[in-house]
Amino acid sequence: MRGMGTTVFAEMSALAVATGSINLGQGFPDTEGPPEVIAAAVRALRTGANQYAPGIGIPALRQAIARHQRRHYGLDLDPDSQVTVTTGCTEAIAAAILGLVDPGDEVVVLEPYYDSYTAMIDFAGGVRRPVTLRAPDFRLDPDELAAAVTPRTRLILLNTPHNPTGRVLDAEEMAAVARVAVDHDLVVVTDEVYEHLTFDRPHIGLATLPGMAERTLTLSSAGKSYAVTGWKVGWATGPEDLVGAVTAAKQWLSYTSGAPLQPAVAVALDEHPDFPAQEAARLAAQRDVLSDGLAGAGLAPYRSEGTYFVTTDVAPLGWASGGDFCRALPERAGVVAVPSEVFYDDPDAPGSGRHLVRWAFCKRPEVLAGAASRLAAADLTA
């Protein structure tokens, strides 16, 4: 099975430690979330929130998530039946696929894709039907999306803002997804973990489009929006039957987790709603610092519209693959990045990612400037 071994993130992070390199591979910030939110977690630890939370999450957090969805997307959800709390968005993805996909079911998924998608589809016995977003624009082709659907298709797994490309699907592309889902009576599981971290256009929640609220399972988390990736508090929202499928699967995964962190995330959502926008503005500036540095080192980047990531093509430097480049990079420049080829079924297909590399800009400006200086001083040619 593909995706069951060590992840590329673990491999590259270990390489960073072994070589003392600046790690621009794994997507986690080196700054903290709101102090008041961290204080709320400490307060919960000290006041008894240290035993199992309810499997679907504490009421205060489920209610805060419902308010978040209403505030940002105009969606009215019952916090008792249409919201479930998960161990990060990663568990939400796992539980959604395990709860909804039977052996032989096909899952249409945007390629390149976050590696947990492939692993969980394999675990469920499903079959991937990739629709490739191709450089330089990484746009979704509506005809290719429609052509990927067969009588065996169970669901579409959508990711926007998109990791690893940094693409934020626009209104036309989102309408195409909705049209295919409605025409074929499909469920859509949408990973919106970077929903608030966009720079060039706002994120559109698929569930807000006509005919989609009743067929969309929306997944997200607090980790990226509030710079607390290690807390691993996520959620799934949507129709009761789809959320119920997630809950049924997750009871055999974690059942529950993060009891003292759940009330703190409720504080984040309710009392610090402006923090994600501030985080997005900070990240946009950091994107520009890294993008300028990459360009200066001969690694012209594709523009990132959201997430933590920017992509470059190393083919002009003579490399046979992004993997070869990334494994040589720590010794050459003291910097670590991630080869995008691992996010494709066939990285050698036309428009695929054999030569693409993903860089994380969710680091302090001085770290990014240091990485840029190292890259500029290094010989990066094959």
Protein backbone atom coordinates (compact mmCIF):
# COMPACT_ATOMS: atom_id res chain seq x y z
CA MET A 1 0.00 0.00 0.00
CA ARG A 2 1.23 3.45 -0.86
CA GLY A 3 1.52 5.95 1.99
CA MET A 4 2.03 3.44 4.84
CA GLY A 5 5.75 4.04 5.42
CA THR A 6 7.58 6.99 6.90
CA THR A 7 6.22 10.28 5.61
CA VAL A 8 8.38 12.63 3.59
CA PHE A 9 7.87 15.22 6.33
CA ALA A 10 9.46 12.94 8.92
CA GLU A 11 12.32 12.12 6.55
CA MET A 12 13.10 15.75 5.75
CA SER A 13 12.69 16.95 9.35
CA ALA A 14 15.13 14.27 10.49
CA LEU A 15 17.53 15.41 7.77
CA ALA A 16 17.22 18.98 9.03
CA VAL A 17 18.14 17.91 12.57
CA ALA A 18 21.02 15.72 11.40
CA THR A 19 22.58 18.51 9.31
CA GLY A 20 21.67 21.56 11.41
CA SER A 21 19.70 22.93 8.47
CA ILE A 22 16.92 25.50 8.46
CA ASN A 23 13.73 23.45 8.15
CA LEU A 24 11.41 24.88 5.50
CA GLY A 25 9.92 21.46 4.89
CA GLN A 26 7.31 20.80 7.57
CA GLY A 27 4.46 23.27 7.92
CA PHE A 28 4.42 24.55 11.48
CA PRO A 29 4.98 28.14 12.64
CA ASP A 30 7.76 29.17 15.01
CA THR A 31 5.55 31.70 16.79
CA GLU A 32 2.82 31.21 19.40
CA GLY A 33 -0.93 31.69 19.29
CA PRO A 34 -2.84 34.30 21.31
CA PRO A 35 -1.53 34.46 24.93
CA GLU A 36 -5.09 34.56 26.27
CA VAL A 37 -5.88 31.30 24.50
CA ILE A 38 -2.78 29.61 25.92
CA ALA A 39 -3.74 30.96 29.35
CA ALA A 40 -7.20 29.41 28.91
CA ALA A 41 -5.58 26.01 28.36
CA VAL A 42 -3.47 26.44 31.50
CA ARG A 43 -6.59 27.44 33.43
CA ALA A 44 -8.42 24.36 32.20
CA LEU A 45 -5.52 22.14 33.27
CA ARG A 46 -5.64 23.63 36.75
CA THR A 47 -9.40 23.43 37.17
CA GLY A 48 -10.05 19.79 36.42
CA ALA A 49 -10.37 19.42 32.64
CA ASN A 50 -8.00 16.47 32.67
CA GLN A 51 -10.28 13.48 32.13
CA TYR A 52 -12.05 12.20 29.04
CA ALA A 53 -14.08 14.79 27.16
CA PRO A 54 -17.27 13.61 25.43
CA GLY A 55 -16.51 11.72 22.24
CA ILE A 56 -18.07 14.44 20.08
CA GLY A 57 -16.32 17.23 22.02
CA ILE A 58 -17.28 19.42 24.94
CA PRO A 59 -20.48 21.43 24.47
CA ALA A 60 -18.71 24.80 24.74
CA LEU A 61 -16.42 24.00 21.82
CA ARG A 62 -19.13 22.50 19.63
CA GLN A 63 -21.23 25.61 20.22
CA ALA A 64 -18.26 27.86 19.42
CA ILE A 65 -17.63 25.94 16.17
CA ALA A 66 -21.28 26.34 15.20
CA ARG A 67 -21.03 30.09 15.86
CA HIS A 68 -17.83 30.22 13.78
CA GLN A 69 -19.59 28.58 10.83
CA ARG A 70 -22.52 30.97 11.14
CA ARG A 71 -20.30 34.03 11.46
CA HIS A 72 -18.06 33.24 8.48
CA TYR A 73 -20.35 31.28 6.17
CA GLY A 74 -23.95 31.92 7.25
CA LEU A 75 -24.44 28.22 8.02
CA ASP A 76 -26.83 27.28 10.85
CA LEU A 77 -25.74 24.07 12.55
CA ASP A 78 -27.04 22.09 15.49
CA PRO A 79 -23.98 21.80 17.75
CA ASP A 80 -25.31 18.55 19.20
CA SER A 81 -25.78 16.67 15.93
CA GLN A 82 -23.96 18.56 13.15
CA VAL A 83 -20.60 19.19 14.81
CA THR A 84 -18.00 16.72 16.07
CA VAL A 85 -14.55 17.49 17.48
CA THR A 86 -11.55 15.51 16.22
CA THR A 87 -7.85 15.10 16.93
CA GLY A 88 -6.84 17.71 14.43
CA CYS A 89 -8.03 17.83 10.84
CA THR A 90 -5.91 14.76 10.15
CA GLU A 91 -8.23 12.59 12.23
CA ALA A 92 -11.24 14.28 10.67
CA ILE A 93 -9.93 13.26 7.24
CA ALA A 94 -9.26 9.71 8.41
CA ALA A 95 -12.64 9.31 10.09
CA ALA A 96 -14.51 10.84 7.15
CA ILE A 97 -12.91 8.45 4.66
CA LEU A 98 -13.21 5.39 6.91
CA GLY A 99 -16.81 6.29 7.73
CA LEU A 100 -17.97 6.99 4.18
CA VAL A 101 -15.84 4.90 1.78
CA ASP A 102 -16.35 1.16 1.33
CA PRO A 103 -13.91 -1.17 -0.49
CA GLY A 104 -14.05 -0.49 -4.22
CA ASP A 105 -15.61 2.96 -3.87
CA GLU A 106 -13.90 5.65 -5.91
CA VAL A 107 -12.77 8.97 -4.45
CA VAL A 108 -12.14 11.92 -6.75
CA VAL A 109 -9.30 13.95 -5.26
CA LEU A 110 -7.27 16.96 -6.35
CA GLU A 111 -3.65 16.13 -7.18
CA PRO A 112 -1.08 16.94 -5.83
CA TYR A 113 -2.55 15.87 -2.52
CA TYR A 114 -1.65 15.88 1.13
CA ASP A 115 -0.24 12.43 1.85
CA SER A 116 -2.77 11.41 4.50
CA TYR A 117 -5.46 11.36 1.78
CA THR A 118 -3.76 8.56 -0.10
CA ALA A 119 -3.02 6.58 3.04
CA MET A 120 -6.60 6.73 4.31
CA ILE A 121 -8.18 5.93 0.94
CA ASP A 122 -5.91 2.88 0.85
CA PHE A 123 -6.88 1.92 4.41
CA ALA A 124 -10.57 2.11 3.47
CA GLY A 125 -10.03 0.00 0.35
CA GLY A 126 -11.06 2.88 -1.87
CA VAL A 127 -9.76 3.80 -5.32
CA ARG A 128 -8.25 7.22 -6.05
CA ARG A 129 -9.37 9.14 -9.13
CA PRO A 130 -6.95 12.09 -9.32
CA VAL A 131 -7.68 15.40 -11.00
CA THR A 132 -4.38 17.20 -11.46
CA LEU A 133 -3.78 20.90 -10.81
CA ARG A 134 -0.98 21.79 -13.21
CA ALA A 135 1.69 24.45 -12.98
CA PRO A 136 2.00 27.34 -13.43
CA ASP A 137 -1.58 28.31 -12.51
CA PHE A 138 -2.70 25.13 -10.71
CA ARG A 139 -6.27 25.69 -11.91
CA LEU A 140 -9.01 23.08 -11.64
CA ASP A 141 -10.20 21.95 -15.07
CA PRO A 142 -14.00 21.43 -14.84
CA ASP A 143 -14.01 18.97 -17.73
CA GLU A 144 -11.33 16.81 -16.12
CA LEU A 145 -13.26 16.89 -12.85
CA ALA A 146 -16.46 15.74 -14.56
CA ALA A 147 -14.58 13.05 -16.50
CA ALA A 148 -13.14 11.60 -13.29
CA VAL A 149 -16.60 10.65 -12.02
CA THR A 150 -17.79 7.10 -12.72
CA PRO A 151 -20.70 4.98 -11.44
CA ARG A 152 -18.37 3.80 -8.64
CA THR A 153 -17.63 7.31 -7.37
CA ARG A 154 -18.62 7.74 -3.71
CA LEU A 155 -17.30 11.20 -2.97
CA ILE A 156 -15.11 14.13 -3.97
CA LEU A 157 -12.31 15.00 -1.56
CA LEU A 158 -11.61 18.70 -1.99
CA ASN A 159 -8.79 20.75 -0.48
CA THR A 160 -8.86 24.53 -0.71
CA PRO A 161 -6.85 26.55 0.18
CA HIS A 162 -4.69 23.88 -1.38
CA ASN A 163 -1.67 22.17 0.12
CA PRO A 164 0.96 21.89 -1.38
CA THR A 165 0.42 24.39 -4.24
CA GLY A 166 -0.92 27.38 -2.27
CA ARG A 167 -3.80 27.71 -4.72
CA VAL A 168 -7.15 29.09 -3.51
CA LEU A 169 -9.94 27.86 -5.78
CA ASP A 170 -11.97 30.73 -7.22
CA ALA A 171 -15.74 31.11 -7.57
CA GLU A 172 -15.81 29.53 -11.04
CA GLU A 173 -13.87 26.48 -9.90
CA MET A 174 -15.98 26.03 -6.76
CA ALA A 175 -19.15 26.30 -8.84
CA ALA A 176 -17.80 23.53 -11.08
CA VAL A 177 -17.28 21.27 -8.06
CA ALA A 178 -20.82 21.98 -6.86
CA ARG A 179 -22.26 21.31 -10.30
CA VAL A 180 -20.56 17.92 -10.59
CA ALA A 181 -21.59 16.95 -7.06
CA VAL A 182 -25.23 17.87 -7.62
CA ASP A 183 -25.42 16.33 -11.09
CA HIS A 184 -24.03 13.01 -9.82
CA ASP A 185 -25.54 13.12 -6.33
CA LEU A 186 -22.12 12.97 -4.67
CA VAL A 187 -20.92 13.77 -1.18
CA VAL A 188 -18.04 16.25 -0.96
CA VAL A 189 -15.57 16.12 1.91
CA THR A 190 -13.79 19.46 1.98
CA ASP A 191 -10.55 20.04 3.88
CA GLU A 192 -10.57 23.74 4.74
CA VAL A 193 -7.82 23.75 7.36
CA TYR A 194 -6.23 26.87 5.81
CA GLU A 195 -9.61 28.61 5.41
CA HIS A 196 -8.50 31.89 7.03
CA LEU A 197 -4.92 31.97 5.72
CA THR A 198 -5.45 33.42 2.25
CA PHE A 199 -3.72 36.40 0.64
CA ASP A 200 -5.01 37.13 -2.85
CA ARG A 201 -8.66 36.09 -2.65
CA PRO A 202 -11.02 34.98 0.12
CA HIS A 203 -11.78 31.33 0.69
CA ILE A 204 -15.24 30.18 -0.42
CA GLY A 205 -16.90 27.56 1.76
CA LEU A 206 -18.32 24.92 -0.57
CA ALA A 207 -21.29 24.33 1.75
CA THR A 208 -22.47 27.89 1.05
CA LEU A 209 -23.17 27.17 -2.63
CA PRO A 210 -26.66 26.20 -3.85
CA GLY A 211 -27.46 22.54 -3.28
CA MET A 212 -24.27 21.88 -1.32
CA ALA A 213 -25.14 22.30 2.38
CA GLU A 214 -26.93 18.95 2.40
CA ARG A 215 -24.04 17.06 0.76
CA THR A 216 -20.88 18.75 2.10
CA LEU A 217 -18.84 17.56 5.08
CA THR A 218 -16.57 20.44 6.08
CA LEU A 219 -13.33 19.74 7.95
CA SER A 220 -11.06 22.25 9.66
CA SER A 221 -9.07 22.91 12.83
CA ALA A 222 -7.67 25.56 15.14
CA GLY A 223 -4.04 24.59 14.57
CA LYS A 224 -3.27 26.67 11.49
CA SER A 225 -5.66 29.57 12.10
CA TYR A 226 -4.44 30.14 15.68
CA ALA A 227 -0.79 29.01 15.40
CA VAL A 228 -1.28 26.07 17.77
CA THR A 229 -0.55 23.17 15.42
CA GLY A 230 0.62 20.93 18.26
CA TRP A 231 -2.76 21.07 20.00
CA LYS A 232 -4.41 18.92 17.33
CA VAL A 233 -7.98 20.12 17.85
CA GLY A 234 -10.10 19.89 14.71
CA TRP A 235 -13.70 19.37 13.72
CA ALA A 236 -16.17 18.16 11.16
CA THR A 237 -19.43 19.96 10.42
CA GLY A 238 -22.35 19.36 8.07
CA PRO A 239 -25.43 17.19 7.68
CA GLU A 240 -26.23 14.96 10.64
CA ASP A 241 -25.73 11.72 8.71
CA LEU A 242 -22.29 12.73 7.42
CA VAL A 243 -21.12 14.03 10.79
CA GLY A 244 -22.49 10.85 12.36
CA ALA A 245 -20.32 8.77 10.03
CA VAL A 246 -17.25 10.68 11.20
CA THR A 247 -18.20 10.20 14.85
CA ALA A 248 -18.81 6.48 14.34
CA ALA A 249 -15.34 6.03 12.84
CA LYS A 250 -13.46 8.27 15.26
CA GLN A 251 -14.72 6.35 18.30
CA TRP A 252 -12.37 3.56 17.14
CA LEU A 253 -9.49 5.97 16.49
CA SER A 254 -8.93 8.43 19.35
CA TYR A 255 -12.50 8.42 20.73
CA THR A 256 -11.59 11.71 22.41
CA SER A 257 -8.51 13.86 23.01
CA GLY A 258 -7.25 17.24 24.15
CA ALA A 259 -9.72 17.74 27.01
CA PRO A 260 -8.00 20.84 28.48
CA LEU A 261 -7.36 22.25 25.01
CA GLN A 262 -10.98 22.12 23.90
CA PRO A 263 -12.20 24.95 26.19
CA ALA A 264 -9.19 27.01 25.11
CA VAL A 265 -10.09 26.57 21.44
CA ALA A 266 -13.63 27.68 22.29
CA VAL A 267 -12.09 30.84 23.76
CA ALA A 268 -10.05 31.32 20.58
CA LEU A 269 -13.07 31.04 18.28
CA ASP A 270 -15.40 33.17 20.39
CA GLU A 271 -13.11 35.80 21.90
CA HIS A 272 -10.31 36.16 19.34
CA PRO A 273 -12.05 36.03 15.97
CA ASP A 274 -9.65 38.60 14.47
CA PHE A 275 -6.46 36.66 15.16
CA PRO A 276 -6.58 34.52 11.97
CA ALA A 277 -6.76 37.64 9.78
CA GLN A 278 -3.75 39.07 11.60
CA GLU A 279 -1.97 35.75 11.11
CA ALA A 280 -2.79 35.84 7.38
CA ALA A 281 -1.34 39.35 7.03
CA ARG A 282 1.85 38.26 8.79
CA LEU A 283 2.12 35.17 6.59
CA ALA A 284 1.61 37.20 3.42
CA ALA A 285 4.65 39.31 4.33
CA GLN A 286 6.65 36.16 5.09
CA ARG A 287 5.58 34.63 1.79
CA ASP A 288 7.06 37.65 0.04
CA VAL A 289 10.33 37.43 1.99
CA LEU A 290 10.82 33.80 1.05
CA SER A 291 9.58 34.21 -2.52
CA ASP A 292 12.03 37.05 -3.12
CA GLY A 293 14.83 34.98 -1.61
CA LEU A 294 14.01 31.96 -3.76
CA ALA A 295 13.90 34.11 -6.90
CA GLY A 296 17.26 35.61 -5.99
CA ALA A 297 18.73 32.12 -5.73
CA GLY A 298 17.48 31.15 -9.18
CA LEU A 299 14.39 29.33 -7.91
CA ALA A 300 11.57 31.41 -9.37
CA PRO A 301 8.47 30.57 -7.28
CA TYR A 302 4.89 30.18 -8.37
CA ARG A 303 2.73 32.69 -6.52
CA SER A 304 1.06 31.33 -3.39
CA GLU A 305 -2.48 32.58 -2.74
CA GLY A 306 -2.81 30.95 0.69
CA THR A 307 -1.62 28.26 3.14
CA TYR A 308 1.96 28.09 4.48
CA PHE A 309 3.60 27.06 1.21
CA VAL A 310 5.18 28.22 -2.02
CA THR A 311 6.32 25.99 -4.91
CA THR A 312 9.33 26.18 -7.22
CA ASP A 313 10.51 24.20 -10.25
CA VAL A 314 14.10 22.89 -10.06
CA ALA A 315 14.26 21.61 -13.64
CA PRO A 316 15.94 24.82 -14.91
CA LEU A 317 18.82 24.07 -12.51
CA GLY A 318 19.33 20.70 -14.19
CA TRP A 319 17.87 18.40 -11.54
CA ALA A 320 16.26 15.13 -12.59
CA SER A 321 13.77 15.35 -9.72
CA GLY A 322 12.72 17.42 -6.74
CA GLY A 323 13.63 14.49 -4.53
CA ASP A 324 17.26 14.52 -5.71
CA PHE A 325 17.39 18.27 -5.17
CA CYS A 326 15.88 18.14 -1.66
CA ARG A 327 18.20 15.35 -0.49
CA ALA A 328 21.25 17.29 -1.72
CA LEU A 329 20.05 20.66 -0.45
CA PRO A 330 21.00 20.34 3.25
CA GLU A 331 24.66 19.70 2.43
CA ARG A 332 24.67 22.26 -0.37
CA ALA A 333 22.90 25.10 1.44
CA GLY A 334 21.93 24.13 4.98
CA VAL A 335 18.21 24.33 4.12
CA VAL A 336 15.50 21.66 3.96
CA ALA A 337 12.45 21.63 1.65
CA VAL A 338 10.00 18.92 0.53
CA PRO A 339 9.81 17.36 -2.95
CA SER A 340 6.32 17.70 -4.37
CA GLU A 341 6.65 14.51 -6.43
CA VAL A 342 5.51 12.49 -3.39
CA PHE A 343 2.10 14.17 -3.68
CA TYR A 344 1.39 12.68 -7.14
CA ASP A 345 0.37 9.21 -8.29
CA ASP A 346 2.46 9.59 -11.44
CA PRO A 347 4.90 12.50 -11.05
CA ASP A 348 6.15 11.96 -14.62
CA ALA A 349 2.76 12.50 -16.23
CA PRO A 350 2.43 15.71 -18.29
CA GLY A 351 2.00 18.68 -15.98
CA SER A 352 2.86 16.66 -12.87
CA GLY A 353 5.38 17.39 -10.19
CA ARG A 354 8.61 15.47 -10.72
CA HIS A 355 10.60 18.71 -10.61
CA LEU A 356 8.53 20.68 -8.11
CA VAL A 357 9.61 21.54 -4.55
CA ARG A 358 7.48 22.87 -1.69
CA TRP A 359 8.85 25.46 0.74
CA ALA A 360 7.22 26.57 4.01
CA PHE A 361 7.19 30.28 4.81
CA CYS A 362 5.47 30.00 8.21
CA LYS A 363 8.70 30.99 9.96
CA ARG A 364 9.93 34.26 11.45
CA PRO A 365 11.23 36.76 8.86
CA GLU A 366 14.78 36.52 10.18
CA VAL A 367 14.72 32.72 9.73
CA LEU A 368 13.46 33.11 6.17
CA ALA A 369 16.07 35.77 5.45
CA GLY A 370 18.76 33.43 6.79
CA ALA A 371 17.53 30.64 4.55
CA ALA A 372 17.49 32.98 1.57
CA SER A 373 21.06 34.05 2.30
CA ARG A 374 22.20 30.42 2.46
CA LEU A 375 20.46 29.59 -0.79
CA ALA A 376 21.94 32.61 -2.58
CA ALA A 377 25.45 31.62 -1.48
CA ALA A 378 25.13 27.98 -2.53
CA ASP A 379 25.66 26.23 -5.84
CA LEU A 380 22.17 24.85 -6.52
CA THR A 381 22.82 23.44 -9.96
CA ALA A 382 22.77 19.68 -10.50
